[in-house]
Amino acid sequence: MDDLTDRSQFRIGDFLVMQDRLIVVRDGQEIKFEPRWMEVLVMLAEHAGETLSTERLLIEVWRSTVYGDNPVQKAISGLQKSIGDAPRESRYIETVPRLGYRLIAPVSFPEIRPHI
């Protein structure tokens, strides 16, 4: 998957992710995210379909493993709750028991039309 850090917008399923503004938009509704939640979401999108371990998320997003896995669980839970994704019936972020998390919704890039 692409490195999304240079993209200000991309889609995950029916959501428009505007990472520079820390928001996700669906049906005209803006959902504000904490910066770390957005980092986790972007990392999951960069590796869509791939299971990312809690340890890898801690290292890459929190830059450490001294936190234990609680911040990752809190971030995933917050993301799922914010976007209305039920953990047991995931449409976006799937929990893979004892392995980690994976983004199961498709990632796409909206056409950027030049303003004339």
PDB file of N, CA and C in Angstrom:
ATOM      1  N   MET A   1       0.859  -1.186   0.000  1.00  0.00           N
ATOM      2  CA  MET A   1       0.000   0.000   0.000  1.00  0.00           C
ATOM      3  C   MET A   1       0.894   1.233   0.000  1.00  0.00           C
ATOM      4  N   ASP A   2       0.317   2.327  -0.424  1.00  0.00           N
ATOM      5  CA  ASP A   2       1.034   3.606  -0.489  1.00  0.00           C
ATOM      6  C   ASP A   2       1.369   4.147   0.890  1.00  0.00           C
ATOM      7  N   ASP A   3       2.382   5.007   0.922  1.00  0.00           N
ATOM      8  CA  ASP A   3       2.664   5.790   2.112  1.00  0.00           C
ATOM      9  C   ASP A   3       1.673   6.951   2.077  1.00  0.00           C
ATOM     10  N   LEU A   4       0.764   6.989   3.026  1.00  0.00           N
ATOM     11  CA  LEU A   4      -0.314   7.981   3.011  1.00  0.00           C
ATOM     12  C   LEU A   4       0.045   9.273   3.721  1.00  0.00           C
ATOM     13  N   THR A   5       1.226   9.365   4.286  1.00  0.00           N
ATOM     14  CA  THR A   5       1.570  10.568   5.049  1.00  0.00           C
ATOM     15  C   THR A   5       1.605  11.815   4.173  1.00  0.00           C
ATOM     16  N   ASP A   6       1.824  11.654   2.871  1.00  0.00           N
ATOM     17  CA  ASP A   6       1.850  12.813   1.978  1.00  0.00           C
ATOM     18  C   ASP A   6       0.482  13.138   1.384  1.00  0.00           C
ATOM     19  N   ARG A   7      -0.498  12.316   1.652  1.00  0.00           N
ATOM     20  CA  ARG A   7      -1.838  12.550   1.113  1.00  0.00           C
ATOM     21  C   ARG A   7      -2.698  13.199   2.192  1.00  0.00           C
ATOM     22  N   SER A   8      -3.375  14.270   1.828  1.00  0.00           N
ATOM     23  CA  SER A   8      -4.226  14.914   2.821  1.00  0.00           C
ATOM     24  C   SER A   8      -5.578  14.220   2.925  1.00  0.00           C
ATOM     25  N   GLN A   9      -5.986  13.525   1.846  1.00  0.00           N
ATOM     26  CA  GLN A   9      -7.290  12.866   1.850  1.00  0.00           C
ATOM     27  C   GLN A   9      -7.212  11.491   1.190  1.00  0.00           C
ATOM     28  N   PHE A  10      -8.005  10.577   1.730  1.00  0.00           N
ATOM     29  CA  PHE A  10      -8.206   9.271   1.109  1.00  0.00           C
ATOM     30  C   PHE A  10      -9.498   8.705   1.671  1.00  0.00           C
ATOM     31  N   ARG A  11      -9.980   7.646   1.072  1.00  0.00           N
ATOM     32  CA  ARG A  11     -11.230   7.027   1.508  1.00  0.00           C
ATOM     33  C   ARG A  11     -10.970   5.665   2.127  1.00  0.00           C
ATOM     34  N   ILE A  12     -11.756   5.390   3.159  1.00  0.00           N
ATOM     35  CA  ILE A  12     -11.827   4.058   3.741  1.00  0.00           C
ATOM     36  C   ILE A  12     -13.308   3.703   3.708  1.00  0.00           C
ATOM     37  N   GLY A  13     -13.677   2.797   2.809  1.00  0.00           N
ATOM     38  CA  GLY A  13     -15.091   2.483   2.650  1.00  0.00           C
ATOM     39  C   GLY A  13     -15.847   3.741   2.277  1.00  0.00           C
ATOM     40  N   ASP A  14     -16.892   4.056   3.031  1.00  0.00           N
ATOM     41  CA  ASP A  14     -17.706   5.246   2.735  1.00  0.00           C
ATOM     42  C   ASP A  14     -17.264   6.487   3.514  1.00  0.00           C
ATOM     43  N   PHE A  15     -16.101   6.425   4.150  1.00  0.00           N
ATOM     44  CA  PHE A  15     -15.562   7.563   4.892  1.00  0.00           C
ATOM     45  C   PHE A  15     -14.515   8.305   4.077  1.00  0.00           C
ATOM     46  N   LEU A  16     -14.527   9.609   4.159  1.00  0.00           N
ATOM     47  CA  LEU A  16     -13.450  10.428   3.607  1.00  0.00           C
ATOM     48  C   LEU A  16     -12.560  10.805   4.779  1.00  0.00           C
ATOM     49  N   VAL A  17     -11.309  10.400   4.720  1.00  0.00           N
ATOM     50  CA  VAL A  17     -10.352  10.680   5.786  1.00  0.00           C
ATOM     51  C   VAL A  17      -9.577  11.929   5.397  1.00  0.00           C
ATOM     52  N   MET A  18      -9.623  12.937   6.253  1.00  0.00           N
ATOM     53  CA  MET A  18      -8.898  14.186   6.032  1.00  0.00           C
ATOM     54  C   MET A  18      -7.874  14.284   7.161  1.00  0.00           C
ATOM     55  N   GLN A  19      -6.742  13.599   6.943  1.00  0.00           N
ATOM     56  CA  GLN A  19      -5.793  13.453   8.044  1.00  0.00           C
ATOM     57  C   GLN A  19      -5.164  14.757   8.493  1.00  0.00           C
ATOM     58  N   ASP A  20      -5.000  15.722   7.586  1.00  0.00           N
ATOM     59  CA  ASP A  20      -4.406  16.996   7.992  1.00  0.00           C
ATOM     60  C   ASP A  20      -5.334  17.792   8.909  1.00  0.00           C
ATOM     61  N   ARG A  21      -6.636  17.508   8.838  1.00  0.00           N
ATOM     62  CA  ARG A  21      -7.617  18.197   9.699  1.00  0.00           C
ATOM     63  C   ARG A  21      -8.069  17.328  10.869  1.00  0.00           C
ATOM     64  N   LEU A  22      -7.542  16.096  10.949  1.00  0.00           N
ATOM     65  CA  LEU A  22      -7.897  15.140  11.998  1.00  0.00           C
ATOM     66  C   LEU A  22      -9.395  14.833  12.028  1.00  0.00           C
ATOM     67  N   ILE A  23      -9.996  14.744  10.839  1.00  0.00           N
ATOM     68  CA  ILE A  23     -11.413  14.407  10.775  1.00  0.00           C
ATOM     69  C   ILE A  23     -11.666  13.315   9.734  1.00  0.00           C
ATOM     70  N   VAL A  24     -12.794  12.651   9.952  1.00  0.00           N
ATOM     71  CA  VAL A  24     -13.328  11.678   9.011  1.00  0.00           C
ATOM     72  C   VAL A  24     -14.742  12.149   8.709  1.00  0.00           C
ATOM     73  N   VAL A  25     -15.126  12.104   7.438  1.00  0.00           N
ATOM     74  CA  VAL A  25     -16.440  12.597   7.032  1.00  0.00           C
ATOM     75  C   VAL A  25     -17.239  11.450   6.409  1.00  0.00           C
ATOM     76  N   ARG A  26     -18.481  11.305   6.860  1.00  0.00           N
ATOM     77  CA  ARG A  26     -19.407  10.346   6.247  1.00  0.00           C
ATOM     78  C   ARG A  26     -20.779  11.000   6.213  1.00  0.00           C
ATOM     79  N   ASP A  27     -21.384  10.964   5.038  1.00  0.00           N
ATOM     80  CA  ASP A  27     -22.710  11.560   4.842  1.00  0.00           C
ATOM     81  C   ASP A  27     -22.755  13.012   5.328  1.00  0.00           C
ATOM     82  N   GLY A  28     -21.694  13.764   5.069  1.00  0.00           N
ATOM     83  CA  GLY A  28     -21.640  15.169   5.455  1.00  0.00           C
ATOM     84  C   GLY A  28     -21.367  15.410   6.928  1.00  0.00           C
ATOM     85  N   GLN A  29     -21.265  14.361   7.707  1.00  0.00           N
ATOM     86  CA  GLN A  29     -21.033  14.449   9.150  1.00  0.00           C
ATOM     87  C   GLN A  29     -19.537  14.361   9.429  1.00  0.00           C
ATOM     88  N   GLU A  30     -18.992  15.336  10.137  1.00  0.00           N
ATOM     89  CA  GLU A  30     -17.574  15.328  10.492  1.00  0.00           C
ATOM     90  C   GLU A  30     -17.370  14.674  11.854  1.00  0.00           C
ATOM     91  N   ILE A  31     -16.409  13.777  11.914  1.00  0.00           N
ATOM     92  CA  ILE A  31     -16.050  13.102  13.160  1.00  0.00           C
ATOM     93  C   ILE A  31     -14.611  13.486  13.465  1.00  0.00           C
ATOM     94  N   LYS A  32     -14.403  14.158  14.584  1.00  0.00           N
ATOM     95  CA  LYS A  32     -13.078  14.625  14.990  1.00  0.00           C
ATOM     96  C   LYS A  32     -12.311  13.493  15.671  1.00  0.00           C
ATOM     97  N   PHE A  33     -11.045  13.335  15.308  1.00  0.00           N
ATOM     98  CA  PHE A  33     -10.191  12.303  15.880  1.00  0.00           C
ATOM     99  C   PHE A  33      -9.054  12.928  16.667  1.00  0.00           C
ATOM    100  N   GLU A  34      -8.586  12.201  17.660  1.00  0.00           N
ATOM    101  CA  GLU A  34      -7.366  12.578  18.359  1.00  0.00           C
ATOM    102  C   GLU A  34      -6.195  12.297  17.418  1.00  0.00           C
ATOM    103  N   PRO A  35      -5.089  13.030  17.544  1.00  0.00           N
ATOM    104  CA  PRO A  35      -3.950  12.812  16.641  1.00  0.00           C
ATOM    105  C   PRO A  35      -3.443  11.371  16.600  1.00  0.00           C
ATOM    106  N   ARG A  36      -3.342  10.710  17.729  1.00  0.00           N
ATOM    107  CA  ARG A  36      -2.847   9.324  17.734  1.00  0.00           C
ATOM    108  C   ARG A  36      -3.835   8.385  17.046  1.00  0.00           C
ATOM    109  N   TRP A  37      -5.134   8.646  17.218  1.00  0.00           N
ATOM    110  CA  TRP A  37      -6.134   7.812  16.539  1.00  0.00           C
ATOM    111  C   TRP A  37      -5.933   7.916  15.028  1.00  0.00           C
ATOM    112  N   MET A  38      -5.692   9.137  14.552  1.00  0.00           N
ATOM    113  CA  MET A  38      -5.491   9.320  13.114  1.00  0.00           C
ATOM    114  C   MET A  38      -4.226   8.601  12.661  1.00  0.00           C
ATOM    115  N   GLU A  39      -3.171   8.666  13.463  1.00  0.00           N
ATOM    116  CA  GLU A  39      -1.939   7.953  13.108  1.00  0.00           C
ATOM    117  C   GLU A  39      -2.183   6.454  13.005  1.00  0.00           C
ATOM    118  N   VAL A  40      -2.948   5.899  13.935  1.00  0.00           N
ATOM    119  CA  VAL A  40      -3.274   4.467  13.899  1.00  0.00           C
ATOM    120  C   VAL A  40      -4.096   4.155  12.657  1.00  0.00           C
ATOM    121  N   LEU A  41      -5.100   4.984  12.368  1.00  0.00           N
ATOM    122  CA  LEU A  41      -5.947   4.766  11.201  1.00  0.00           C
ATOM    123  C   LEU A  41      -5.134   4.822   9.907  1.00  0.00           C
ATOM    124  N   VAL A  42      -4.246   5.802   9.798  1.00  0.00           N
ATOM    125  CA  VAL A  42      -3.402   5.932   8.608  1.00  0.00           C
ATOM    126  C   VAL A  42      -2.500   4.715   8.465  1.00  0.00           C
ATOM    127  N   MET A  43      -1.927   4.268   9.564  1.00  0.00           N
ATOM    128  CA  MET A  43      -1.055   3.088   9.492  1.00  0.00           C
ATOM    129  C   MET A  43      -1.843   1.852   9.068  1.00  0.00           C
ATOM    130  N   LEU A  44      -3.030   1.677   9.609  1.00  0.00           N
ATOM    131  CA  LEU A  44      -3.868   0.550   9.195  1.00  0.00           C
ATOM    132  C   LEU A  44      -4.213   0.652   7.709  1.00  0.00           C
ATOM    133  N   ALA A  45      -4.496   1.872   7.241  1.00  0.00           N
ATOM    134  CA  ALA A  45      -4.830   2.072   5.826  1.00  0.00           C
ATOM    135  C   ALA A  45      -3.630   1.789   4.923  1.00  0.00           C
ATOM    136  N   GLU A  46      -2.446   2.173   5.370  1.00  0.00           N
ATOM    137  CA  GLU A  46      -1.236   1.904   4.592  1.00  0.00           C
ATOM    138  C   GLU A  46      -0.986   0.403   4.438  1.00  0.00           C
ATOM    139  N   HIS A  47      -1.509  -0.367   5.388  1.00  0.00           N
ATOM    140  CA  HIS A  47      -1.316  -1.822   5.387  1.00  0.00           C
ATOM    141  C   HIS A  47      -2.665  -2.539   5.328  1.00  0.00           C
ATOM    142  N   ALA A  48      -3.602  -1.979   4.571  1.00  0.00           N
ATOM    143  CA  ALA A  48      -4.964  -2.524   4.486  1.00  0.00           C
ATOM    144  C   ALA A  48      -4.935  -4.018   4.169  1.00  0.00           C
ATOM    145  N   GLY A  49      -5.741  -4.761   4.919  1.00  0.00           N
ATOM    146  CA  GLY A  49      -5.835  -6.196   4.729  1.00  0.00           C
ATOM    147  C   GLY A  49      -4.770  -6.989   5.465  1.00  0.00           C
ATOM    148  N   GLU A  50      -3.776  -6.304   5.984  1.00  0.00           N
ATOM    149  CA  GLU A  50      -2.656  -6.939   6.692  1.00  0.00           C
ATOM    150  C   GLU A  50      -2.886  -6.792   8.194  1.00  0.00           C
ATOM    151  N   THR A  51      -2.625  -7.844   8.955  1.00  0.00           N
ATOM    152  CA  THR A  51      -2.772  -7.772  10.408  1.00  0.00           C
ATOM    153  C   THR A  51      -1.530  -7.115  10.998  1.00  0.00           C
ATOM    154  N   LEU A  52      -1.750  -6.029  11.753  1.00  0.00           N
ATOM    155  CA  LEU A  52      -0.645  -5.329  12.421  1.00  0.00           C
ATOM    156  C   LEU A  52      -0.706  -5.652  13.905  1.00  0.00           C
ATOM    157  N   SER A  53       0.410  -6.068  14.448  1.00  0.00           N
ATOM    158  CA  SER A  53       0.452  -6.419  15.867  1.00  0.00           C
ATOM    159  C   SER A  53       0.376  -5.164  16.735  1.00  0.00           C
ATOM    160  N   THR A  54      -0.067  -5.384  17.957  1.00  0.00           N
ATOM    161  CA  THR A  54      -0.104  -4.298  18.938  1.00  0.00           C
ATOM    162  C   THR A  54       1.300  -3.727  19.129  1.00  0.00           C
ATOM    163  N   GLU A  55       2.290  -4.614  19.201  1.00  0.00           N
ATOM    164  CA  GLU A  55       3.674  -4.176  19.392  1.00  0.00           C
ATOM    165  C   GLU A  55       4.134  -3.277  18.242  1.00  0.00           C
ATOM    166  N   ARG A  56       3.812  -3.656  17.018  1.00  0.00           N
ATOM    167  CA  ARG A  56       4.211  -2.835  15.867  1.00  0.00           C
ATOM    168  C   ARG A  56       3.544  -1.459  15.906  1.00  0.00           C
ATOM    169  N   LEU A  57       2.266  -1.433  16.260  1.00  0.00           N
ATOM    170  CA  LEU A  57       1.566  -0.144  16.373  1.00  0.00           C
ATOM    171  C   LEU A  57       2.194   0.707  17.468  1.00  0.00           C
ATOM    172  N   LEU A  58       2.533   0.091  18.598  1.00  0.00           N
ATOM    173  CA  LEU A  58       3.191   0.836  19.682  1.00  0.00           C
ATOM    174  C   LEU A  58       4.516   1.429  19.225  1.00  0.00           C
ATOM    175  N   ILE A  59       5.302   0.636  18.530  1.00  0.00           N
ATOM    176  CA  ILE A  59       6.615   1.097  18.084  1.00  0.00           C
ATOM    177  C   ILE A  59       6.476   2.224  17.058  1.00  0.00           C
ATOM    178  N   GLU A  60       5.585   2.053  16.102  1.00  0.00           N
ATOM    179  CA  GLU A  60       5.492   3.011  15.000  1.00  0.00           C
ATOM    180  C   GLU A  60       4.673   4.257  15.328  1.00  0.00           C
ATOM    181  N   VAL A  61       3.649   4.121  16.161  1.00  0.00           N
ATOM    182  CA  VAL A  61       2.807   5.284  16.476  1.00  0.00           C
ATOM    183  C   VAL A  61       3.241   5.951  17.777  1.00  0.00           C
ATOM    184  N   TRP A  62       3.482   5.148  18.808  1.00  0.00           N
ATOM    185  CA  TRP A  62       3.873   5.707  20.104  1.00  0.00           C
ATOM    186  C   TRP A  62       5.389   5.801  20.252  1.00  0.00           C
ATOM    187  N   ARG A  63       6.133   5.228  19.315  1.00  0.00           N
ATOM    188  CA  ARG A  63       7.595   5.234  19.287  1.00  0.00           C
ATOM    189  C   ARG A  63       8.221   4.539  20.492  1.00  0.00           C
ATOM    190  N   SER A  64       7.463   3.582  21.089  1.00  0.00           N
ATOM    191  CA  SER A  64       7.968   2.870  22.260  1.00  0.00           C
ATOM    192  C   SER A  64       7.081   1.667  22.544  1.00  0.00           C
ATOM    193  N   THR A  65       7.562   0.751  23.353  1.00  0.00           N
ATOM    194  CA  THR A  65       6.722  -0.356  23.816  1.00  0.00           C
ATOM    195  C   THR A  65       6.531  -0.298  25.328  1.00  0.00           C
ATOM    196  N   VAL A  66       7.031   0.726  25.973  1.00  0.00           N
ATOM    197  CA  VAL A  66       6.946   0.803  27.432  1.00  0.00           C
ATOM    198  C   VAL A  66       5.522   1.045  27.926  1.00  0.00           C
ATOM    199  N   TYR A  67       4.619   1.369  27.032  1.00  0.00           N
ATOM    200  CA  TYR A  67       3.244   1.655  27.411  1.00  0.00           C
ATOM    201  C   TYR A  67       2.419   0.393  27.650  1.00  0.00           C
ATOM    202  N   GLY A  68       2.879  -0.776  27.238  1.00  0.00           N
ATOM    203  CA  GLY A  68       2.034  -1.967  27.246  1.00  0.00           C
ATOM    204  C   GLY A  68       1.076  -1.853  26.070  1.00  0.00           C
ATOM    205  N   ASP A  69       0.120  -2.740  25.962  1.00  0.00           N
ATOM    206  CA  ASP A  69      -0.773  -2.689  24.797  1.00  0.00           C
ATOM    207  C   ASP A  69      -2.033  -1.855  25.027  1.00  0.00           C
ATOM    208  N   ASN A  70      -2.217  -1.317  26.223  1.00  0.00           N
ATOM    209  CA  ASN A  70      -3.427  -0.561  26.536  1.00  0.00           C
ATOM    210  C   ASN A  70      -3.683   0.645  25.635  1.00  0.00           C
ATOM    211  N   PRO A  71      -2.678   1.473  25.295  1.00  0.00           N
ATOM    212  CA  PRO A  71      -2.984   2.622  24.436  1.00  0.00           C
ATOM    213  C   PRO A  71      -3.481   2.203  23.052  1.00  0.00           C
ATOM    214  N   VAL A  72      -2.976   1.093  22.548  1.00  0.00           N
ATOM    215  CA  VAL A  72      -3.432   0.620  21.239  1.00  0.00           C
ATOM    216  C   VAL A  72      -4.883   0.171  21.349  1.00  0.00           C
ATOM    217  N   GLN A  73      -5.191  -0.607  22.370  1.00  0.00           N
ATOM    218  CA  GLN A  73      -6.570  -1.062  22.559  1.00  0.00           C
ATOM    219  C   GLN A  73      -7.516   0.125  22.721  1.00  0.00           C
ATOM    220  N   LYS A  74      -7.092   1.140  23.483  1.00  0.00           N
ATOM    221  CA  LYS A  74      -7.930   2.332  23.671  1.00  0.00           C
ATOM    222  C   LYS A  74      -8.128   3.078  22.356  1.00  0.00           C
ATOM    223  N   ALA A  75      -7.065   3.196  21.564  1.00  0.00           N
ATOM    224  CA  ALA A  75      -7.167   3.897  20.274  1.00  0.00           C
ATOM    225  C   ALA A  75      -8.080   3.141  19.316  1.00  0.00           C
ATOM    226  N   ILE A  76      -7.918   1.830  19.221  1.00  0.00           N
ATOM    227  CA  ILE A  76      -8.767   1.023  18.331  1.00  0.00           C
ATOM    228  C   ILE A  76     -10.212   1.107  18.785  1.00  0.00           C
ATOM    229  N   SER A  77     -10.440   0.978  20.068  1.00  0.00           N
ATOM    230  CA  SER A  77     -11.795   1.069  20.617  1.00  0.00           C
ATOM    231  C   SER A  77     -12.411   2.434  20.316  1.00  0.00           C
ATOM    232  N   GLY A  78     -11.625   3.497  20.504  1.00  0.00           N
ATOM    233  CA  GLY A  78     -12.103   4.847  20.209  1.00  0.00           C
ATOM    234  C   GLY A  78     -12.428   5.027  18.732  1.00  0.00           C
ATOM    235  N   LEU A  79     -11.559   4.511  17.868  1.00  0.00           N
ATOM    236  CA  LEU A  79     -11.808   4.586  16.429  1.00  0.00           C
ATOM    237  C   LEU A  79     -13.093   3.851  16.071  1.00  0.00           C
ATOM    238  N   GLN A  80     -13.223   2.617  16.557  1.00  0.00           N
ATOM    239  CA  GLN A  80     -14.410   1.825  16.237  1.00  0.00           C
ATOM    240  C   GLN A  80     -15.680   2.499  16.721  1.00  0.00           C
ATOM    241  N   LYS A  81     -15.646   3.023  17.923  1.00  0.00           N
ATOM    242  CA  LYS A  81     -16.825   3.694  18.483  1.00  0.00           C
ATOM    243  C   LYS A  81     -17.162   4.949  17.675  1.00  0.00           C
ATOM    244  N   SER A  82     -16.147   5.727  17.318  1.00  0.00           N
ATOM    245  CA  SER A  82     -16.356   6.972  16.575  1.00  0.00           C
ATOM    246  C   SER A  82     -16.994   6.750  15.207  1.00  0.00           C
ATOM    247  N   ILE A  83     -16.598   5.661  14.543  1.00  0.00           N
ATOM    248  CA  ILE A  83     -17.123   5.421  13.197  1.00  0.00           C
ATOM    249  C   ILE A  83     -18.285   4.431  13.186  1.00  0.00           C
ATOM    250  N   GLY A  84     -18.724   4.021  14.371  1.00  0.00           N
ATOM    251  CA  GLY A  84     -19.871   3.125  14.456  1.00  0.00           C
ATOM    252  C   GLY A  84     -19.565   1.706  14.004  1.00  0.00           C
ATOM    253  N   ASP A  85     -18.356   1.259  14.257  1.00  0.00           N
ATOM    254  CA  ASP A  85     -17.936  -0.085  13.870  1.00  0.00           C
ATOM    255  C   ASP A  85     -18.032  -0.991  15.091  1.00  0.00           C
ATOM    256  N   ALA A  86     -18.890  -1.997  15.021  1.00  0.00           N
ATOM    257  CA  ALA A  86     -19.062  -2.922  16.138  1.00  0.00           C
ATOM    258  C   ALA A  86     -17.926  -3.936  16.142  1.00  0.00           C
ATOM    259  N   PRO A  87     -17.207  -4.073  17.261  1.00  0.00           N
ATOM    260  CA  PRO A  87     -16.061  -4.984  17.304  1.00  0.00           C
ATOM    261  C   PRO A  87     -16.385  -6.422  16.878  1.00  0.00           C
ATOM    262  N   ARG A  88     -17.559  -6.911  17.198  1.00  0.00           N
ATOM    263  CA  ARG A  88     -17.901  -8.297  16.854  1.00  0.00           C
ATOM    264  C   ARG A  88     -18.432  -8.440  15.421  1.00  0.00           C
ATOM    265  N   GLU A  89     -18.849  -7.346  14.827  1.00  0.00           N
ATOM    266  CA  GLU A  89     -19.354  -7.357  13.444  1.00  0.00           C
ATOM    267  C   GLU A  89     -18.669  -6.241  12.663  1.00  0.00           C
ATOM    268  N   SER A  90     -17.370  -6.301  12.604  1.00  0.00           N
ATOM    269  CA  SER A  90     -16.568  -5.239  12.007  1.00  0.00           C
ATOM    270  C   SER A  90     -16.822  -5.086  10.514  1.00  0.00           C
ATOM    271  N   ARG A  91     -16.903  -3.822  10.102  1.00  0.00           N
ATOM    272  CA  ARG A  91     -16.962  -3.485   8.679  1.00  0.00           C
ATOM    273  C   ARG A  91     -15.719  -2.707   8.267  1.00  0.00           C
ATOM    274  N   TYR A  92     -14.987  -2.219   9.248  1.00  0.00           N
ATOM    275  CA  TYR A  92     -13.817  -1.381   8.979  1.00  0.00           C
ATOM    276  C   TYR A  92     -12.549  -1.937   9.617  1.00  0.00           C
ATOM    277  N   ILE A  93     -12.515  -1.965  10.946  1.00  0.00           N
ATOM    278  CA  ILE A  93     -11.322  -2.409  11.674  1.00  0.00           C
ATOM    279  C   ILE A  93     -11.644  -3.715  12.394  1.00  0.00           C
ATOM    280  N   GLU A  94     -10.912  -4.748  12.016  1.00  0.00           N
ATOM    281  CA  GLU A  94     -11.140  -6.069  12.593  1.00  0.00           C
ATOM    282  C   GLU A  94     -10.074  -6.368  13.642  1.00  0.00           C
ATOM    283  N   THR A  95     -10.518  -6.897  14.781  1.00  0.00           N
ATOM    284  CA  THR A  95      -9.603  -7.371  15.807  1.00  0.00           C
ATOM    285  C   THR A  95      -9.306  -8.833  15.512  1.00  0.00           C
ATOM    286  N   VAL A  96      -8.033  -9.157  15.405  1.00  0.00           N
ATOM    287  CA  VAL A  96      -7.614 -10.532  15.172  1.00  0.00           C
ATOM    288  C   VAL A  96      -7.065 -11.033  16.511  1.00  0.00           C
ATOM    289  N   PRO A  97      -7.843 -11.866  17.221  1.00  0.00           N
ATOM    290  CA  PRO A  97      -7.445 -12.277  18.570  1.00  0.00           C
ATOM    291  C   PRO A  97      -5.998 -12.760  18.653  1.00  0.00           C
ATOM    292  N   ARG A  98      -5.295 -12.220  19.641  1.00  0.00           N
ATOM    293  CA  ARG A  98      -3.903 -12.550  19.955  1.00  0.00           C
ATOM    294  C   ARG A  98      -2.905 -12.203  18.848  1.00  0.00           C
ATOM    295  N   LEU A  99      -3.356 -11.572  17.777  1.00  0.00           N
ATOM    296  CA  LEU A  99      -2.439 -11.194  16.702  1.00  0.00           C
ATOM    297  C   LEU A  99      -2.368  -9.691  16.476  1.00  0.00           C
ATOM    298  N   GLY A 100      -3.508  -9.002  16.520  1.00  0.00           N
ATOM    299  CA  GLY A 100      -3.491  -7.564  16.286  1.00  0.00           C
ATOM    300  C   GLY A 100      -4.764  -7.068  15.639  1.00  0.00           C
ATOM    301  N   TYR A 101      -4.601  -6.134  14.717  1.00  0.00           N
ATOM    302  CA  TYR A 101      -5.743  -5.457  14.093  1.00  0.00           C
ATOM    303  C   TYR A 101      -5.492  -5.317  12.602  1.00  0.00           C
ATOM    304  N   ARG A 102      -6.590  -5.280  11.844  1.00  0.00           N
ATOM    305  CA  ARG A 102      -6.438  -5.072  10.409  1.00  0.00           C
ATOM    306  C   ARG A 102      -7.621  -4.277   9.879  1.00  0.00           C
ATOM    307  N   LEU A 103      -7.327  -3.460   8.878  1.00  0.00           N
ATOM    308  CA  LEU A 103      -8.350  -2.690   8.191  1.00  0.00           C
ATOM    309  C   LEU A 103      -8.925  -3.587   7.107  1.00  0.00           C
ATOM    310  N   ILE A 104     -10.242  -3.817   7.152  1.00  0.00           N
ATOM    311  CA  ILE A 104     -10.869  -4.709   6.183  1.00  0.00           C
ATOM    312  C   ILE A 104     -11.687  -3.958   5.142  1.00  0.00           C
ATOM    313  N   ALA A 105     -11.903  -2.675   5.329  1.00  0.00           N
ATOM    314  CA  ALA A 105     -12.628  -1.865   4.342  1.00  0.00           C
ATOM    315  C   ALA A 105     -11.660  -1.455   3.235  1.00  0.00           C
ATOM    316  N   PRO A 106     -12.179  -1.255   2.018  1.00  0.00           N
ATOM    317  CA  PRO A 106     -11.286  -0.845   0.925  1.00  0.00           C
ATOM    318  C   PRO A 106     -10.774   0.585   1.109  1.00  0.00           C
ATOM    319  N   VAL A 107      -9.528   0.789   0.695  1.00  0.00           N
ATOM    320  CA  VAL A 107      -8.913   2.117   0.718  1.00  0.00           C
ATOM    321  C   VAL A 107      -8.851   2.604  -0.723  1.00  0.00           C
ATOM    322  N   SER A 108      -9.282   3.859  -0.941  1.00  0.00           N
ATOM    323  CA  SER A 108      -9.237   4.435  -2.286  1.00  0.00           C
ATOM    324  C   SER A 108      -8.861   5.911  -2.192  1.00  0.00           C
ATOM    325  N   PHE A 109      -8.596   6.468  -3.343  1.00  0.00           N
ATOM    326  CA  PHE A 109      -8.140   7.843  -3.393  1.00  0.00           C
ATOM    327  C   PHE A 109      -9.073   8.659  -4.267  1.00  0.00           C
ATOM    328  N   PRO A 110      -9.705   9.691  -3.703  1.00  0.00           N
ATOM    329  CA  PRO A 110     -10.642  10.488  -4.510  1.00  0.00           C
ATOM    330  C   PRO A 110      -9.913  11.261  -5.589  1.00  0.00           C
ATOM    331  N   GLU A 111     -10.613  11.450  -6.670  1.00  0.00           N
ATOM    332  CA  GLU A 111     -10.083  12.288  -7.755  1.00  0.00           C
ATOM    333  C   GLU A 111      -9.928  13.702  -7.204  1.00  0.00           C
ATOM    334  N   ILE A 112      -8.783  14.281  -7.413  1.00  0.00           N
ATOM    335  CA  ILE A 112      -8.578  15.665  -7.013  1.00  0.00           C
ATOM    336  C   ILE A 112      -8.669  16.497  -8.287  1.00  0.00           C
ATOM    337  N   ARG A 113      -9.722  17.291  -8.353  1.00  0.00           N
ATOM    338  CA  ARG A 113      -9.953  18.122  -9.538  1.00  0.00           C
ATOM    339  C   ARG A 113      -9.311  19.486  -9.325  1.00  0.00           C
ATOM    340  N   PRO A 114      -8.579  19.953 -10.300  1.00  0.00           N
ATOM    341  CA  PRO A 114      -7.971  21.292 -10.158  1.00  0.00           C
ATOM    342  C   PRO A 114      -9.045  22.380 -10.158  1.00  0.00           C
ATOM    343  N   HIS A 115      -8.838  23.376  -9.329  1.00  0.00           N
ATOM    344  CA  HIS A 115      -9.751  24.525  -9.306  1.00  0.00           C
ATOM    345  C   HIS A 115      -9.383  25.461 -10.433  1.00  0.00           C
ATOM    346  N   ILE A 116     -10.343  25.777 -11.253  1.00  0.00           N
ATOM    347  CA  ILE A 116     -10.074  26.674 -12.401  1.00  0.00           C
ATOM    348  C   ILE A 116     -10.807  27.974 -12.204  1.00  0.00           C
TER     349      ILE A 116
END
